[in-house]
């Protein structure tokens, strides 16, 4: 399979596999959009932690 090469920001090898990490999907994102994305990531994380805490209390 041939994959078009994008803007490679990191390259490494795992065994016989060559891994290239590209940032094409997020190169042109504004600082405001980045803040919005990070804010949503924080909300998802907080919800996940709240669920884990709730499940932990139910197991005791």
Protein backbone atom coordinates (compact mmCIF):
# COMPACT_ATOMS: atom_id res chain seq x y z
CA UNK A 1 0.00 0.00 0.00
CA UNK A 2 1.33 3.42 -0.93
CA UNK A 3 0.39 6.32 1.32
CA UNK A 4 1.06 9.89 0.18
CA UNK A 5 3.64 11.55 2.41
CA UNK A 6 2.47 14.67 4.20
CA UNK A 7 4.22 17.15 6.47
CA UNK A 8 6.29 14.73 8.58
CA UNK A 9 6.88 16.00 12.12
CA UNK A 10 8.34 12.80 13.58
CA UNK A 11 9.77 9.65 12.13
CA UNK A 12 10.84 6.45 13.91
CA UNK A 13 11.07 2.72 13.46
CA UNK A 14 9.40 -0.09 15.42
CA UNK A 15 10.94 -3.38 14.39
CA UNK A 16 10.68 -3.53 10.61
CA UNK A 17 7.98 -0.85 10.47
CA UNK A 18 8.84 2.73 9.51
CA UNK A 19 6.44 5.16 11.27
CA UNK A 20 5.93 8.73 10.07
CA UNK A 21 3.73 11.12 12.05
CA UNK A 22 2.27 13.97 9.97
CA UNK A 23 0.37 17.07 11.07
CA UNK A 24 -1.40 17.88 7.79
CA UNK A 25 -4.81 17.74 9.44
CA UNK A 26 -3.97 20.47 11.95
CA UNK A 27 -1.43 22.76 10.28
CA UNK A 28 -3.85 25.57 9.52
CA UNK A 29 -5.82 25.65 12.78
CA UNK A 30 -6.23 29.03 14.48
CA UNK A 31 -5.22 29.56 18.13
CA UNK A 32 -8.93 29.97 18.99
CA UNK A 33 -9.78 26.61 17.44
CA UNK A 34 -6.88 24.98 19.32
CA UNK A 35 -8.23 26.37 22.60
CA UNK A 36 -11.69 25.04 21.71
CA UNK A 37 -10.31 21.57 20.92
CA UNK A 38 -8.22 21.47 24.11
CA UNK A 39 -11.21 22.65 26.15
CA UNK A 40 -13.31 19.80 24.76
CA UNK A 41 -10.48 17.33 25.51
CA UNK A 42 -10.50 18.60 29.11
CA UNK A 43 -14.26 18.08 29.34
CA UNK A 44 -13.95 14.53 28.02
CA UNK A 45 -11.16 13.78 30.48
CA UNK A 46 -13.14 15.22 33.41
CA UNK A 47 -16.21 13.17 32.47
CA UNK A 48 -14.06 10.05 32.24
CA UNK A 49 -12.48 10.67 35.65
CA UNK A 50 -15.90 11.32 37.21
CA UNK A 51 -17.19 8.02 35.79
CA UNK A 52 -14.15 6.14 37.10
CA UNK A 53 -14.63 7.68 40.56
CA UNK A 54 -18.33 6.79 40.50
CA UNK A 55 -17.58 3.20 39.47
CA UNK A 56 -14.91 2.93 42.17
CA UNK A 57 -17.42 3.95 44.84
CA UNK A 58 -19.94 1.41 43.53
CA UNK A 59 -17.38 -1.41 43.76
CA UNK A 60 -16.67 -0.77 47.45
